[in-house]
Amino acid sequence: MPHPDTAGALAGAALGLAAGPWLRAAAARHTGAPRLPAVQAAAAAALALLGAAVGLAPVAAPLCWAALLGVPLAFVDAAEHRLPDALTLPAFAGTAVLLVAAALGSGRPGVLPRCLLAALALGALYGATALVAPMGLGDAKLAPTLGALLGWYGWGAVLAGVFAGFLLAGLHGAVLLATGRARGADPLPFGPFMLGGALAAVLLAA
């Protein structure tokens, strides 16, 4: 992101703030916490970063849609250790439609097969991991959305997003263990780190 788009950052922050009440309601519906002001702040920050990185690029719409759904997903997973279908499925459907529109509208239909393959690859990876490791199927349902978005930028971005997610989760787990706030057998919500890793990879690739 050598030349941040200031107008894009401001527009992204404004969108995150405007969507805040709906996002807070979505998070509250699945956590039982009626007031989550941090949801609105997180949405504004995430969309500001994306806006600064991509501006009005064709991929901006699917990225923003995934970020808007990703914020309440992260909060729900952190609180409840689950990623509800009521958020993961619309995230994928909206992202898929907007990616197709972005590719066709920008004259880049050739990127769509890679987005599809990346979505399938990450879905299979996290699905298989859920069978042998303490990872939920919700992670596997979120993975295709992130894979499709990262596929827009290439396989390097896909690998970077996966690596960053596991790295962030590992660092967080190590801190919890070192401070005595968790034990080795305690479950760790992985969704926030998947989302954070994907965001980092997009910011690096944009």
N, C-alpha and C. Protein backbone atom coordinates (compact mmCIF):
# COMPACT_ATOMS: atom_id res chain seq x y z
N MET A 1 0.84 -1.18 0.00
CA MET A 1 0.00 0.00 0.00
C MET A 1 0.88 1.24 0.00
N PRO A 2 1.65 1.51 -1.10
CA PRO A 2 2.60 2.61 -1.10
C PRO A 2 1.93 3.97 -1.11
N HIS A 3 0.76 4.12 -1.68
CA HIS A 3 0.07 5.40 -1.76
C HIS A 3 -1.33 5.24 -1.20
N PRO A 4 -1.49 5.40 0.11
CA PRO A 4 -2.82 5.22 0.71
C PRO A 4 -3.83 6.19 0.10
N ASP A 5 -5.01 5.71 -0.15
CA ASP A 5 -6.10 6.50 -0.71
C ASP A 5 -6.86 7.14 0.46
N THR A 6 -6.61 8.44 0.68
CA THR A 6 -7.23 9.11 1.82
C THR A 6 -8.74 9.15 1.70
N ALA A 7 -9.23 9.46 0.50
CA ALA A 7 -10.68 9.50 0.30
C ALA A 7 -11.29 8.12 0.52
N GLY A 8 -10.60 7.07 0.07
CA GLY A 8 -11.08 5.72 0.28
C GLY A 8 -11.11 5.36 1.75
N ALA A 9 -10.09 5.79 2.49
CA ALA A 9 -10.06 5.51 3.93
C ALA A 9 -11.22 6.19 4.64
N LEU A 10 -11.47 7.44 4.28
CA LEU A 10 -12.58 8.18 4.91
C LEU A 10 -13.92 7.56 4.55
N ALA A 11 -14.08 7.16 3.28
CA ALA A 11 -15.33 6.53 2.87
C ALA A 11 -15.52 5.20 3.58
N GLY A 12 -14.44 4.43 3.72
CA GLY A 12 -14.53 3.16 4.41
C GLY A 12 -14.91 3.33 5.87
N ALA A 13 -14.28 4.30 6.54
CA ALA A 13 -14.60 4.55 7.94
C ALA A 13 -16.06 4.98 8.09
N ALA A 14 -16.52 5.84 7.17
CA ALA A 14 -17.91 6.30 7.23
C ALA A 14 -18.88 5.14 7.03
N LEU A 15 -18.54 4.23 6.10
CA LEU A 15 -19.40 3.06 5.87
C LEU A 15 -19.45 2.17 7.11
N GLY A 16 -18.30 1.96 7.73
CA GLY A 16 -18.26 1.14 8.94
C GLY A 16 -19.07 1.74 10.07
N LEU A 17 -18.99 3.06 10.23
CA LEU A 17 -19.76 3.73 11.27
C LEU A 17 -21.25 3.67 10.97
N ALA A 18 -21.60 3.88 9.69
CA ALA A 18 -23.02 3.86 9.31
C ALA A 18 -23.63 2.48 9.51
N ALA A 19 -22.84 1.45 9.25
CA ALA A 19 -23.34 0.08 9.40
C ALA A 19 -23.27 -0.40 10.84
N GLY A 20 -22.68 0.40 11.71
CA GLY A 20 -22.46 0.00 13.09
C GLY A 20 -23.68 -0.52 13.81
N PRO A 21 -24.82 0.19 13.77
CA PRO A 21 -25.99 -0.32 14.50
C PRO A 21 -26.43 -1.71 14.03
N TRP A 22 -26.41 -1.94 12.72
CA TRP A 22 -26.78 -3.26 12.21
C TRP A 22 -25.76 -4.31 12.62
N LEU A 23 -24.49 -3.96 12.59
CA LEU A 23 -23.45 -4.92 12.97
C LEU A 23 -23.52 -5.24 14.45
N ARG A 24 -23.77 -4.23 15.28
CA ARG A 24 -23.91 -4.48 16.71
C ARG A 24 -25.10 -5.40 16.98
N ALA A 25 -26.19 -5.16 16.26
CA ALA A 25 -27.37 -6.01 16.44
C ALA A 25 -27.07 -7.44 16.02
N ALA A 26 -26.34 -7.60 14.93
CA ALA A 26 -26.00 -8.95 14.45
C ALA A 26 -25.13 -9.68 15.48
N ALA A 27 -24.15 -8.97 16.05
CA ALA A 27 -23.30 -9.59 17.06
C ALA A 27 -24.09 -9.91 18.32
N ALA A 28 -24.96 -8.98 18.74
CA ALA A 28 -25.74 -9.18 19.96
C ALA A 28 -26.70 -10.36 19.82
N ARG A 29 -27.21 -10.55 18.61
CA ARG A 29 -28.17 -11.63 18.38
C ARG A 29 -27.54 -13.00 18.68
N HIS A 30 -26.25 -13.10 18.49
CA HIS A 30 -25.60 -14.40 18.65
C HIS A 30 -24.74 -14.49 19.91
N THR A 31 -24.59 -13.39 20.63
CA THR A 31 -23.79 -13.41 21.86
C THR A 31 -24.61 -13.11 23.10
N GLY A 32 -25.77 -12.48 22.93
CA GLY A 32 -26.57 -12.08 24.08
C GLY A 32 -26.08 -10.82 24.75
N ALA A 33 -25.01 -10.21 24.20
CA ALA A 33 -24.49 -8.95 24.76
C ALA A 33 -25.18 -7.80 24.06
N PRO A 34 -26.01 -7.02 24.76
CA PRO A 34 -26.80 -5.99 24.09
C PRO A 34 -26.00 -4.80 23.59
N ARG A 35 -24.87 -4.51 24.22
CA ARG A 35 -24.11 -3.33 23.83
C ARG A 35 -22.67 -3.73 23.50
N LEU A 36 -22.33 -3.57 22.27
CA LEU A 36 -20.98 -3.89 21.83
C LEU A 36 -20.45 -2.75 20.96
N PRO A 37 -20.14 -1.60 21.60
CA PRO A 37 -19.67 -0.45 20.80
C PRO A 37 -18.38 -0.73 20.05
N ALA A 38 -17.59 -1.70 20.54
CA ALA A 38 -16.34 -2.02 19.85
C ALA A 38 -16.58 -2.58 18.46
N VAL A 39 -17.77 -3.15 18.24
CA VAL A 39 -18.09 -3.68 16.91
C VAL A 39 -18.06 -2.56 15.88
N GLN A 40 -18.68 -1.45 16.20
CA GLN A 40 -18.73 -0.32 15.28
C GLN A 40 -17.33 0.25 15.05
N ALA A 41 -16.54 0.36 16.11
CA ALA A 41 -15.18 0.88 15.97
C ALA A 41 -14.33 -0.05 15.12
N ALA A 42 -14.48 -1.36 15.34
CA ALA A 42 -13.71 -2.33 14.56
C ALA A 42 -14.09 -2.28 13.09
N ALA A 43 -15.39 -2.13 12.80
CA ALA A 43 -15.83 -2.05 11.41
C ALA A 43 -15.27 -0.81 10.74
N ALA A 44 -15.31 0.32 11.44
CA ALA A 44 -14.78 1.56 10.87
C ALA A 44 -13.28 1.43 10.59
N ALA A 45 -12.56 0.81 11.52
CA ALA A 45 -11.11 0.65 11.34
C ALA A 45 -10.79 -0.28 10.18
N ALA A 46 -11.49 -1.43 10.12
CA ALA A 46 -11.22 -2.40 9.06
C ALA A 46 -11.53 -1.82 7.69
N LEU A 47 -12.66 -1.14 7.57
CA LEU A 47 -13.03 -0.59 6.27
C LEU A 47 -12.17 0.62 5.90
N ALA A 48 -11.70 1.35 6.90
CA ALA A 48 -10.78 2.44 6.60
C ALA A 48 -9.47 1.90 6.03
N LEU A 49 -8.97 0.81 6.61
CA LEU A 49 -7.75 0.20 6.09
C LEU A 49 -7.94 -0.30 4.67
N LEU A 50 -9.07 -0.97 4.42
CA LEU A 50 -9.35 -1.47 3.08
C LEU A 50 -9.51 -0.32 2.10
N GLY A 51 -10.25 0.72 2.51
CA GLY A 51 -10.44 1.86 1.63
C GLY A 51 -9.14 2.54 1.27
N ALA A 52 -8.24 2.65 2.25
CA ALA A 52 -6.93 3.24 1.98
C ALA A 52 -6.11 2.39 1.03
N ALA A 53 -6.30 1.07 1.11
CA ALA A 53 -5.49 0.16 0.29
C ALA A 53 -6.01 0.02 -1.13
N VAL A 54 -7.34 -0.08 -1.29
CA VAL A 54 -7.88 -0.41 -2.61
C VAL A 54 -8.64 0.73 -3.26
N GLY A 55 -9.02 1.74 -2.49
CA GLY A 55 -9.75 2.87 -3.07
C GLY A 55 -11.01 2.43 -3.77
N LEU A 56 -11.14 2.81 -5.03
CA LEU A 56 -12.31 2.46 -5.82
C LEU A 56 -12.03 1.30 -6.78
N ALA A 57 -11.07 0.46 -6.44
CA ALA A 57 -10.77 -0.71 -7.27
C ALA A 57 -12.00 -1.62 -7.36
N PRO A 58 -12.13 -2.36 -8.45
CA PRO A 58 -13.31 -3.23 -8.60
C PRO A 58 -13.53 -4.18 -7.44
N VAL A 59 -12.46 -4.63 -6.81
CA VAL A 59 -12.58 -5.60 -5.74
C VAL A 59 -13.01 -4.96 -4.42
N ALA A 60 -13.15 -3.64 -4.39
CA ALA A 60 -13.50 -2.95 -3.15
C ALA A 60 -14.84 -3.42 -2.60
N ALA A 61 -15.83 -3.60 -3.47
CA ALA A 61 -17.17 -3.97 -3.00
C ALA A 61 -17.19 -5.33 -2.31
N PRO A 62 -16.65 -6.39 -2.93
CA PRO A 62 -16.64 -7.67 -2.22
C PRO A 62 -15.80 -7.65 -0.95
N LEU A 63 -14.70 -6.91 -0.96
CA LEU A 63 -13.88 -6.81 0.24
C LEU A 63 -14.66 -6.15 1.38
N CYS A 64 -15.35 -5.06 1.05
CA CYS A 64 -16.12 -4.36 2.09
C CYS A 64 -17.26 -5.21 2.61
N TRP A 65 -17.92 -5.94 1.72
CA TRP A 65 -19.01 -6.81 2.16
C TRP A 65 -18.48 -7.87 3.13
N ALA A 66 -17.38 -8.51 2.76
CA ALA A 66 -16.81 -9.54 3.62
C ALA A 66 -16.35 -8.95 4.95
N ALA A 67 -15.81 -7.73 4.92
CA ALA A 67 -15.37 -7.11 6.16
C ALA A 67 -16.55 -6.77 7.06
N LEU A 68 -17.64 -6.28 6.47
CA LEU A 68 -18.82 -5.94 7.26
C LEU A 68 -19.38 -7.16 7.98
N LEU A 69 -19.41 -8.30 7.31
CA LEU A 69 -19.88 -9.53 7.94
C LEU A 69 -18.81 -10.13 8.84
N GLY A 70 -17.56 -9.90 8.49
CA GLY A 70 -16.47 -10.48 9.25
C GLY A 70 -16.34 -9.90 10.65
N VAL A 71 -16.66 -8.63 10.80
CA VAL A 71 -16.52 -8.00 12.12
C VAL A 71 -17.44 -8.65 13.16
N PRO A 72 -18.75 -8.75 12.92
CA PRO A 72 -19.57 -9.45 13.92
C PRO A 72 -19.19 -10.92 14.06
N LEU A 73 -18.75 -11.55 12.98
CA LEU A 73 -18.30 -12.94 13.10
C LEU A 73 -17.13 -13.06 14.07
N ALA A 74 -16.19 -12.13 13.99
CA ALA A 74 -15.04 -12.17 14.90
C ALA A 74 -15.47 -12.00 16.34
N PHE A 75 -16.39 -11.09 16.59
CA PHE A 75 -16.85 -10.86 17.95
C PHE A 75 -17.64 -12.06 18.49
N VAL A 76 -18.48 -12.63 17.64
CA VAL A 76 -19.26 -13.80 18.07
C VAL A 76 -18.33 -14.97 18.38
N ASP A 77 -17.36 -15.21 17.53
CA ASP A 77 -16.46 -16.34 17.75
C ASP A 77 -15.63 -16.13 19.01
N ALA A 78 -15.18 -14.90 19.23
CA ALA A 78 -14.39 -14.61 20.44
C ALA A 78 -15.22 -14.85 21.69
N ALA A 79 -16.52 -14.54 21.64
CA ALA A 79 -17.37 -14.67 22.82
C ALA A 79 -17.95 -16.06 22.99
N GLU A 80 -18.32 -16.70 21.87
CA GLU A 80 -19.07 -17.95 21.94
C GLU A 80 -18.36 -19.15 21.34
N HIS A 81 -17.21 -18.94 20.72
CA HIS A 81 -16.47 -20.02 20.06
C HIS A 81 -17.31 -20.69 18.98
N ARG A 82 -17.99 -19.89 18.18
CA ARG A 82 -18.73 -20.44 17.06
C ARG A 82 -18.90 -19.35 16.00
N LEU A 83 -19.06 -19.79 14.77
CA LEU A 83 -19.30 -18.89 13.63
C LEU A 83 -20.64 -19.28 13.03
N PRO A 84 -21.70 -18.55 13.34
CA PRO A 84 -23.05 -18.97 12.94
C PRO A 84 -23.27 -18.92 11.43
N ASP A 85 -24.04 -19.89 10.95
CA ASP A 85 -24.39 -19.94 9.53
C ASP A 85 -25.12 -18.67 9.09
N ALA A 86 -25.84 -18.05 10.01
CA ALA A 86 -26.61 -16.85 9.66
C ALA A 86 -25.71 -15.70 9.23
N LEU A 87 -24.42 -15.80 9.52
CA LEU A 87 -23.47 -14.78 9.07
C LEU A 87 -22.48 -15.32 8.03
N THR A 88 -22.01 -16.57 8.22
CA THR A 88 -21.02 -17.09 7.27
C THR A 88 -21.61 -17.32 5.88
N LEU A 89 -22.85 -17.79 5.82
CA LEU A 89 -23.44 -18.08 4.51
C LEU A 89 -23.74 -16.81 3.71
N PRO A 90 -24.34 -15.77 4.31
CA PRO A 90 -24.50 -14.52 3.56
C PRO A 90 -23.15 -13.89 3.18
N ALA A 91 -22.16 -14.06 4.05
CA ALA A 91 -20.83 -13.53 3.71
C ALA A 91 -20.32 -14.16 2.42
N PHE A 92 -20.47 -15.48 2.31
CA PHE A 92 -20.00 -16.16 1.10
C PHE A 92 -20.84 -15.81 -0.12
N ALA A 93 -22.15 -15.83 0.04
CA ALA A 93 -23.03 -15.56 -1.11
C ALA A 93 -22.80 -14.15 -1.65
N GLY A 94 -22.76 -13.17 -0.76
CA GLY A 94 -22.56 -11.79 -1.20
C GLY A 94 -21.20 -11.59 -1.82
N THR A 95 -20.19 -12.20 -1.22
CA THR A 95 -18.84 -12.08 -1.77
C THR A 95 -18.76 -12.69 -3.16
N ALA A 96 -19.37 -13.85 -3.35
CA ALA A 96 -19.34 -14.52 -4.65
C ALA A 96 -19.99 -13.67 -5.72
N VAL A 97 -21.18 -13.14 -5.42
CA VAL A 97 -21.89 -12.31 -6.41
C VAL A 97 -21.08 -11.05 -6.74
N LEU A 98 -20.56 -10.40 -5.71
CA LEU A 98 -19.82 -9.16 -5.93
C LEU A 98 -18.49 -9.40 -6.64
N LEU A 99 -17.86 -10.54 -6.38
CA LEU A 99 -16.62 -10.86 -7.09
C LEU A 99 -16.87 -11.09 -8.57
N VAL A 100 -17.95 -11.80 -8.89
CA VAL A 100 -18.29 -12.02 -10.29
C VAL A 100 -18.56 -10.68 -10.97
N ALA A 101 -19.33 -9.82 -10.31
CA ALA A 101 -19.62 -8.50 -10.89
C ALA A 101 -18.35 -7.68 -11.06
N ALA A 102 -17.44 -7.75 -10.08
CA ALA A 102 -16.19 -7.00 -10.17
C ALA A 102 -15.32 -7.50 -11.32
N ALA A 103 -15.24 -8.82 -11.47
CA ALA A 103 -14.40 -9.39 -12.52
C ALA A 103 -14.96 -9.07 -13.90
N LEU A 104 -16.26 -9.22 -14.07
CA LEU A 104 -16.87 -8.96 -15.37
C LEU A 104 -16.87 -7.47 -15.68
N GLY A 105 -17.15 -6.66 -14.67
CA GLY A 105 -17.20 -5.22 -14.89
C GLY A 105 -15.85 -4.60 -15.19
N SER A 106 -14.79 -5.22 -14.72
CA SER A 106 -13.44 -4.69 -14.95
C SER A 106 -12.73 -5.39 -16.10
N GLY A 107 -13.43 -6.27 -16.77
CA GLY A 107 -12.81 -6.98 -17.88
C GLY A 107 -11.77 -8.00 -17.46
N ARG A 108 -11.97 -8.60 -16.26
CA ARG A 108 -11.01 -9.59 -15.77
C ARG A 108 -11.71 -10.91 -15.44
N PRO A 109 -12.48 -11.46 -16.37
CA PRO A 109 -13.16 -12.72 -16.06
C PRO A 109 -12.19 -13.87 -15.78
N GLY A 110 -10.97 -13.75 -16.27
CA GLY A 110 -10.00 -14.82 -16.08
C GLY A 110 -9.59 -15.03 -14.64
N VAL A 111 -9.88 -14.05 -13.76
CA VAL A 111 -9.52 -14.20 -12.36
C VAL A 111 -10.49 -15.10 -11.61
N LEU A 112 -11.68 -15.29 -12.16
CA LEU A 112 -12.72 -16.03 -11.44
C LEU A 112 -12.38 -17.51 -11.20
N PRO A 113 -11.79 -18.23 -12.16
CA PRO A 113 -11.43 -19.62 -11.86
C PRO A 113 -10.46 -19.73 -10.69
N ARG A 114 -9.52 -18.79 -10.60
CA ARG A 114 -8.57 -18.83 -9.48
C ARG A 114 -9.29 -18.55 -8.16
N CYS A 115 -10.22 -17.59 -8.18
CA CYS A 115 -11.00 -17.31 -6.97
C CYS A 115 -11.78 -18.55 -6.53
N LEU A 116 -12.37 -19.23 -7.50
CA LEU A 116 -13.13 -20.44 -7.19
C LEU A 116 -12.23 -21.53 -6.62
N LEU A 117 -11.10 -21.75 -7.27
CA LEU A 117 -10.18 -22.78 -6.80
C LEU A 117 -9.65 -22.45 -5.41
N ALA A 118 -9.36 -21.18 -5.17
CA ALA A 118 -8.86 -20.78 -3.85
C ALA A 118 -9.94 -20.99 -2.79
N ALA A 119 -11.19 -20.69 -3.14
CA ALA A 119 -12.29 -20.91 -2.20
C ALA A 119 -12.42 -22.39 -1.86
N LEU A 120 -12.35 -23.23 -2.89
CA LEU A 120 -12.44 -24.68 -2.66
C LEU A 120 -11.25 -25.20 -1.86
N ALA A 121 -10.07 -24.68 -2.16
CA ALA A 121 -8.86 -25.15 -1.48
C ALA A 121 -8.90 -24.82 0.00
N LEU A 122 -9.28 -23.59 0.34
CA LEU A 122 -9.32 -23.22 1.75
C LEU A 122 -10.46 -23.91 2.48
N GLY A 123 -11.59 -24.10 1.79
CA GLY A 123 -12.67 -24.85 2.41
C GLY A 123 -12.26 -26.27 2.73
N ALA A 124 -11.55 -26.90 1.78
CA ALA A 124 -11.08 -28.27 2.00
C ALA A 124 -10.02 -28.31 3.10
N LEU A 125 -9.11 -27.33 3.11
CA LEU A 125 -8.05 -27.30 4.11
C LEU A 125 -8.63 -27.20 5.52
N TYR A 126 -9.52 -26.25 5.72
CA TYR A 126 -10.06 -26.05 7.07
C TYR A 126 -11.06 -27.14 7.42
N GLY A 127 -11.76 -27.68 6.42
CA GLY A 127 -12.65 -28.79 6.68
C GLY A 127 -11.88 -30.01 7.15
N ALA A 128 -10.77 -30.31 6.47
CA ALA A 128 -9.96 -31.45 6.87
C ALA A 128 -9.32 -31.21 8.23
N THR A 129 -8.90 -29.97 8.48
CA THR A 129 -8.29 -29.65 9.78
C THR A 129 -9.30 -29.83 10.91
N ALA A 130 -10.55 -29.48 10.65
CA ALA A 130 -11.59 -29.61 11.67
C ALA A 130 -11.82 -31.06 12.07
N LEU A 131 -11.47 -31.99 11.19
CA LEU A 131 -11.68 -33.41 11.49
C LEU A 131 -10.60 -33.97 12.41
N VAL A 132 -9.44 -33.32 12.45
CA VAL A 132 -8.32 -33.89 13.20
C VAL A 132 -7.79 -32.94 14.27
N ALA A 133 -8.28 -31.72 14.32
CA ALA A 133 -7.77 -30.72 15.27
C ALA A 133 -8.95 -30.00 15.91
N PRO A 134 -8.70 -29.32 17.04
CA PRO A 134 -9.78 -28.57 17.70
C PRO A 134 -10.16 -27.30 16.94
N MET A 135 -10.75 -27.50 15.78
CA MET A 135 -11.20 -26.40 14.95
C MET A 135 -12.64 -26.69 14.53
N GLY A 136 -13.50 -25.66 14.53
CA GLY A 136 -14.90 -25.89 14.26
C GLY A 136 -15.23 -25.89 12.78
N LEU A 137 -16.39 -26.44 12.45
CA LEU A 137 -16.85 -26.43 11.07
C LEU A 137 -17.20 -25.01 10.62
N GLY A 138 -17.48 -24.12 11.57
CA GLY A 138 -17.71 -22.73 11.20
C GLY A 138 -16.51 -22.12 10.52
N ASP A 139 -15.32 -22.51 10.96
CA ASP A 139 -14.10 -22.03 10.31
C ASP A 139 -14.04 -22.50 8.86
N ALA A 140 -14.45 -23.75 8.65
CA ALA A 140 -14.46 -24.29 7.29
C ALA A 140 -15.48 -23.59 6.41
N LYS A 141 -16.57 -23.10 7.02
CA LYS A 141 -17.59 -22.39 6.25
C LYS A 141 -17.17 -20.95 5.96
N LEU A 142 -16.35 -20.38 6.82
CA LEU A 142 -15.82 -19.03 6.57
C LEU A 142 -14.70 -19.05 5.55
N ALA A 143 -13.92 -20.14 5.52
CA ALA A 143 -12.72 -20.21 4.70
C ALA A 143 -12.96 -19.94 3.21
N PRO A 144 -14.02 -20.46 2.57
CA PRO A 144 -14.19 -20.19 1.14
C PRO A 144 -14.35 -18.71 0.81
N THR A 145 -15.00 -17.95 1.70
CA THR A 145 -15.12 -16.51 1.47
C THR A 145 -13.76 -15.86 1.42
N LEU A 146 -12.92 -16.19 2.38
CA LEU A 146 -11.59 -15.59 2.43
C LEU A 146 -10.73 -16.09 1.27
N GLY A 147 -10.86 -17.36 0.94
CA GLY A 147 -10.10 -17.90 -0.18
C GLY A 147 -10.44 -17.22 -1.49
N ALA A 148 -11.74 -17.00 -1.73
CA ALA A 148 -12.16 -16.35 -2.97
C ALA A 148 -11.60 -14.94 -3.08
N LEU A 149 -11.64 -14.20 -1.97
CA LEU A 149 -11.12 -12.84 -1.99
C LEU A 149 -9.61 -12.81 -2.19
N LEU A 150 -8.90 -13.67 -1.48
CA LEU A 150 -7.45 -13.71 -1.63
C LEU A 150 -7.05 -14.21 -3.01
N GLY A 151 -7.88 -15.08 -3.60
CA GLY A 151 -7.60 -15.57 -4.93
C GLY A 151 -7.57 -14.48 -5.97
N TRP A 152 -8.28 -13.40 -5.72
CA TRP A 152 -8.26 -12.25 -6.65
C TRP A 152 -6.83 -11.75 -6.84
N TYR A 153 -6.04 -11.81 -5.76
CA TYR A 153 -4.68 -11.27 -5.79
C TYR A 153 -3.63 -12.31 -6.15
N GLY A 154 -4.01 -13.57 -6.21
CA GLY A 154 -3.04 -14.59 -6.59
C GLY A 154 -2.79 -15.60 -5.49
N TRP A 155 -2.12 -16.67 -5.85
CA TRP A 155 -1.87 -17.75 -4.90
C TRP A 155 -0.93 -17.33 -3.79
N GLY A 156 -0.06 -16.37 -4.07
CA GLY A 156 0.82 -15.87 -3.02
C GLY A 156 0.03 -15.24 -1.89
N ALA A 157 -1.00 -14.49 -2.26
CA ALA A 157 -1.85 -13.86 -1.25
C ALA A 157 -2.65 -14.91 -0.47
N VAL A 158 -3.09 -15.96 -1.16
CA VAL A 158 -3.82 -17.03 -0.48
C VAL A 158 -2.93 -17.68 0.59
N LEU A 159 -1.71 -18.03 0.20
CA LEU A 159 -0.79 -18.65 1.16
C LEU A 159 -0.45 -17.69 2.29
N ALA A 160 -0.26 -16.42 1.95
CA ALA A 160 0.07 -15.43 2.98
C ALA A 160 -1.06 -15.28 3.98
N GLY A 161 -2.31 -15.28 3.49
CA GLY A 161 -3.44 -15.15 4.38
C GLY A 161 -3.56 -16.31 5.33
N VAL A 162 -3.37 -17.52 4.81
CA VAL A 162 -3.43 -18.72 5.66
C VAL A 162 -2.30 -18.69 6.70
N PHE A 163 -1.10 -18.41 6.24
CA PHE A 163 0.04 -18.38 7.14
C PHE A 163 -0.15 -17.33 8.23
N ALA A 164 -0.60 -16.13 7.84
CA ALA A 164 -0.79 -15.06 8.82
C ALA A 164 -1.84 -15.44 9.85
N GLY A 165 -2.91 -16.12 9.41
CA GLY A 165 -3.94 -16.53 10.35
C GLY A 165 -3.41 -17.49 11.40
N PHE A 166 -2.67 -18.50 10.96
CA PHE A 166 -2.11 -19.46 11.91
C PHE A 166 -1.05 -18.81 12.79
N LEU A 167 -0.28 -17.88 12.21
CA LEU A 167 0.75 -17.19 13.00
C LEU A 167 0.12 -16.35 14.10
N LEU A 168 -0.90 -15.58 13.75
CA LEU A 168 -1.57 -14.75 14.75
C LEU A 168 -2.20 -15.60 15.85
N ALA A 169 -2.84 -16.70 15.45
CA ALA A 169 -3.44 -17.58 16.45
C ALA A 169 -2.38 -18.19 17.36
N GLY A 170 -1.26 -18.59 16.77
CA GLY A 170 -0.19 -19.17 17.57
C GLY A 170 0.40 -18.18 18.56
N LEU A 171 0.60 -16.96 18.10
CA LEU A 171 1.14 -15.94 18.99
C LEU A 171 0.17 -15.63 20.12
N HIS A 172 -1.10 -15.53 19.78
CA HIS A 172 -2.11 -15.25 20.80
C HIS A 172 -2.16 -16.39 21.83
N GLY A 173 -2.16 -17.62 21.34
CA GLY A 173 -2.17 -18.76 22.24
C GLY A 173 -0.95 -18.79 23.14
N ALA A 174 0.21 -18.45 22.58
CA ALA A 174 1.44 -18.45 23.37
C ALA A 174 1.37 -17.41 24.48
N VAL A 175 0.81 -16.25 24.18
CA VAL A 175 0.67 -15.20 25.20
C VAL A 175 -0.27 -15.66 26.31
N LEU A 176 -1.39 -16.28 25.93
CA LEU A 176 -2.34 -16.76 26.93
C LEU A 176 -1.70 -17.80 27.83
N LEU A 177 -0.93 -18.72 27.25
CA LEU A 177 -0.27 -19.74 28.04
C LEU A 177 0.79 -19.13 28.96
N ALA A 178 1.56 -18.19 28.42
CA ALA A 178 2.63 -17.58 29.21
C ALA A 178 2.10 -16.78 30.38
N THR A 179 0.93 -16.19 30.20
CA THR A 179 0.35 -15.37 31.27
C THR A 179 -0.58 -16.15 32.17
N GLY A 180 -0.74 -17.44 31.92
CA GLY A 180 -1.58 -18.26 32.75
C GLY A 180 -3.07 -18.06 32.54
N ARG A 181 -3.45 -17.41 31.45
CA ARG A 181 -4.86 -17.17 31.18
C ARG A 181 -5.51 -18.31 30.41
N ALA A 182 -4.73 -19.30 30.04
CA ALA A 182 -5.27 -20.47 29.34
C ALA A 182 -4.34 -21.64 29.56
N ARG A 183 -4.90 -22.84 29.35
CA ARG A 183 -4.10 -24.06 29.40
C ARG A 183 -4.05 -24.68 28.00
N GLY A 184 -3.18 -25.64 27.85
CA GLY A 184 -2.98 -26.21 26.53
C GLY A 184 -4.22 -26.81 25.91
N ALA A 185 -5.12 -27.32 26.74
CA ALA A 185 -6.32 -27.98 26.21
C ALA A 185 -7.48 -27.02 25.99
N ASP A 186 -7.32 -25.77 26.36
CA ASP A 186 -8.41 -24.81 26.20
C ASP A 186 -8.64 -24.49 24.72
N PRO A 187 -9.90 -24.39 24.30
CA PRO A 187 -10.18 -24.06 22.90
C PRO A 187 -9.83 -22.62 22.59
N LEU A 188 -9.47 -22.38 21.35
CA LEU A 188 -9.10 -21.03 20.91
C LEU A 188 -9.96 -20.66 19.71
N PRO A 189 -10.72 -19.57 19.80
CA PRO A 189 -11.52 -19.16 18.63
C PRO A 189 -10.59 -18.77 17.49
N PHE A 190 -10.75 -19.42 16.35
CA PHE A 190 -9.82 -19.21 15.24
C PHE A 190 -10.33 -18.20 14.23
N GLY A 191 -11.65 -17.97 14.20
CA GLY A 191 -12.21 -17.06 13.21
C GLY A 191 -11.57 -15.68 13.19
N PRO A 192 -11.39 -15.02 14.35
CA PRO A 192 -10.77 -13.69 14.32
C PRO A 192 -9.39 -13.68 13.69
N PHE A 193 -8.65 -14.75 13.87
CA PHE A 193 -7.30 -14.80 13.31
C PHE A 193 -7.32 -15.11 11.82
N MET A 194 -8.28 -15.93 11.38
CA MET A 194 -8.46 -16.14 9.94
C MET A 194 -8.77 -14.81 9.25
N LEU A 195 -9.68 -14.06 9.86
CA LEU A 195 -10.07 -12.77 9.28
C LEU A 195 -8.92 -11.78 9.32
N GLY A 196 -8.21 -11.73 10.45
CA GLY A 196 -7.08 -10.81 10.56
C GLY A 196 -5.96 -11.16 9.60
N GLY A 197 -5.71 -12.45 9.43
CA GLY A 197 -4.68 -12.87 8.49
C GLY A 197 -5.03 -12.53 7.05
N ALA A 198 -6.31 -12.72 6.70
CA ALA A 198 -6.75 -12.38 5.35
C ALA A 198 -6.66 -10.88 5.11
N LEU A 199 -7.05 -10.09 6.12
CA LEU A 199 -6.95 -8.63 5.98
C LEU A 199 -5.50 -8.21 5.78
N ALA A 200 -4.60 -8.78 6.57
CA ALA A 200 -3.19 -8.44 6.42
C ALA A 200 -2.67 -8.79 5.02
N ALA A 201 -3.07 -9.95 4.52
CA ALA A 201 -2.61 -10.37 3.20
C ALA A 201 -3.14 -9.44 2.11
N VAL A 202 -4.40 -9.02 2.23
CA VAL A 202 -4.96 -8.09 1.25
C VAL A 202 -4.23 -6.76 1.29
N LEU A 203 -3.96 -6.26 2.48
CA LEU A 203 -3.27 -4.97 2.60
C LEU A 203 -1.87 -5.03 2.00
N LEU A 204 -1.23 -6.17 2.13
CA LEU A 204 0.11 -6.33 1.54
C LEU A 204 0.06 -6.47 0.02
N ALA A 205 -1.00 -7.12 -0.46
CA ALA A 205 -1.08 -7.40 -1.90
C ALA A 205 -1.66 -6.25 -2.70
N ALA A 206 -2.48 -5.42 -2.07
CA ALA A 206 -3.19 -4.36 -2.80
C ALA A 206 -2.23 -3.30 -3.34
